[in-house]
Amino acid sequence: MEVKIISQKENQLLRRKEVRFNVKHETAATPPRLEVRKAVADALKANVDLVFVKKFETKSGMHMAVGVANLYDSVDHAKLVEPEYIVKRNVPPAPKPKDEEKKE
């Protein structure tokens, strides 16, 4: 998976960078959002926890996806600004507890 940053815009009012990016993926399927988030964070040389992918879609018939992400100064500020559903989409799922107490 190869990430190319198309544009970056500094939004001082919301204390974030607004980033547009392309992702080339050679596999048949669109990569998961969490993998794209990590790849964008690596391309921006930023902490993964500060990057929130807002939009991400594959072009029809191509192995390229276009997306929009925001890079914040802090996680607390991101949670104030970003809608709750965007924050939930960009957080890894909680591990499922093992059912050790099975009824016999």
Protein backbone atom coordinates (compact mmCIF):
# COMPACT_ATOMS: atom_id res chain seq x y z
CA MET A 1 0.00 0.00 0.00
CA GLU A 2 1.44 3.33 -1.11
CA VAL A 3 0.17 6.66 0.24
CA LYS A 4 0.63 9.94 -1.62
CA ILE A 5 -0.32 13.22 0.06
CA ILE A 6 -2.11 15.43 -2.49
CA SER A 7 -2.62 18.53 -0.38
CA GLN A 8 -2.31 19.85 3.17
CA LYS A 9 -4.13 22.83 4.56
CA GLU A 10 -3.55 24.34 8.00
CA ASN A 11 -6.80 25.21 9.80
CA GLN A 12 -5.70 27.37 12.72
CA LEU A 13 -9.21 27.92 14.06
CA LEU A 14 -9.78 24.19 14.60
CA ARG A 15 -6.10 23.51 15.34
CA ARG A 16 -5.71 20.80 12.71
CA LYS A 17 -4.21 20.00 9.31
CA GLU A 18 -6.70 18.94 6.65
CA VAL A 19 -5.11 16.40 4.33
CA ARG A 20 -6.21 14.92 0.98
CA PHE A 21 -4.47 11.69 -0.04
CA ASN A 22 -4.33 8.86 -2.58
CA VAL A 23 -3.74 5.24 -1.66
CA LYS A 24 -2.55 2.71 -4.24
CA HIS A 25 -3.49 -0.81 -3.18
CA GLU A 26 -2.55 -3.76 -5.35
CA THR A 27 -4.94 -6.15 -3.65
CA ALA A 28 -8.42 -6.62 -5.02
CA ALA A 29 -10.12 -5.17 -1.95
CA THR A 30 -10.05 -1.72 -0.40
CA PRO A 31 -7.75 -1.77 2.64
CA PRO A 32 -9.32 -1.36 6.09
CA ARG A 33 -9.65 2.17 7.48
CA LEU A 34 -7.28 1.46 10.39
CA GLU A 35 -4.49 0.38 8.01
CA VAL A 36 -5.03 3.48 5.89
CA ARG A 37 -4.96 5.62 9.04
CA LYS A 38 -1.58 4.16 10.03
CA ALA A 39 -0.19 4.63 6.51
CA VAL A 40 -1.32 8.27 6.40
CA ALA A 41 0.21 8.88 9.84
CA ASP A 42 3.50 7.40 8.62
CA ALA A 43 3.41 9.60 5.50
CA LEU A 44 2.81 12.69 7.67
CA LYS A 45 5.37 11.53 10.27
CA ALA A 46 2.73 11.93 12.98
CA ASN A 47 1.28 9.90 15.83
CA VAL A 48 -1.47 7.51 14.68
CA ASP A 49 -3.75 8.60 17.54
CA LEU A 50 -3.86 12.16 16.15
CA VAL A 51 -4.99 11.17 12.63
CA PHE A 52 -8.71 10.77 11.86
CA VAL A 53 -9.75 9.52 8.41
CA LYS A 54 -13.04 11.22 7.51
CA LYS A 55 -13.69 9.89 4.02
CA PHE A 56 -12.12 7.05 2.07
CA GLU A 57 -13.38 5.48 -1.16
CA THR A 58 -11.97 3.42 -4.00
CA LYS A 59 -12.28 4.65 -7.55
CA SER A 60 -14.43 2.32 -9.63
CA GLY A 61 -12.39 -0.25 -11.55
CA MET A 62 -9.04 0.97 -10.20
CA HIS A 63 -6.64 0.00 -7.45
CA MET A 64 -6.57 3.53 -6.11
CA ALA A 65 -8.54 5.14 -3.31
CA VAL A 66 -8.98 8.82 -2.50
CA GLY A 67 -9.53 10.11 1.01
CA VAL A 68 -9.63 13.01 3.44
CA ALA A 69 -8.06 12.99 6.90
CA ASN A 70 -7.52 15.46 9.72
CA LEU A 71 -4.37 15.68 11.84
CA TYR A 72 -4.99 17.28 15.24
CA ASP A 73 -2.70 18.77 17.88
CA SER A 74 -4.18 16.56 20.63
CA VAL A 75 -6.63 13.68 20.98
CA ASP A 76 -8.80 15.64 23.42
CA HIS A 77 -9.25 18.48 20.95
CA ALA A 78 -10.05 16.01 18.18
CA LYS A 79 -12.83 14.49 20.25
CA LEU A 80 -14.31 17.94 20.78
CA VAL A 81 -14.29 18.85 17.08
CA GLU A 82 -14.91 15.56 15.23
CA PRO A 83 -18.37 13.97 15.20
CA GLU A 84 -18.71 10.95 17.46
CA TYR A 85 -19.21 8.50 14.58
CA ILE A 86 -15.90 9.58 12.97
CA VAL A 87 -14.05 9.06 16.27
CA LYS A 88 -15.60 5.57 16.62
CA ARG A 89 -14.61 4.63 13.06
CA ASN A 90 -10.98 5.55 13.73
CA VAL A 91 -10.55 3.67 17.00
CA PRO A 92 -9.58 -0.01 16.94
CA PRO A 93 -12.32 -2.30 18.22
CA ALA A 94 -12.05 -3.37 21.84
CA PRO A 95 -10.83 -6.94 22.31
CA LYS A 96 -13.64 -9.36 23.01
CA PRO A 97 -13.51 -10.88 26.50
CA LYS A 98 -12.86 -14.61 26.57
CA ASP A 99 -15.75 -16.62 27.88
CA GLU A 100 -13.88 -18.65 30.50
CA GLU A 101 -16.91 -19.24 32.69
CA LYS A 102 -18.89 -21.65 30.57
CA LYS A 103 -21.90 -23.33 32.10
CA GLU A 104 -21.57 -27.07 32.37
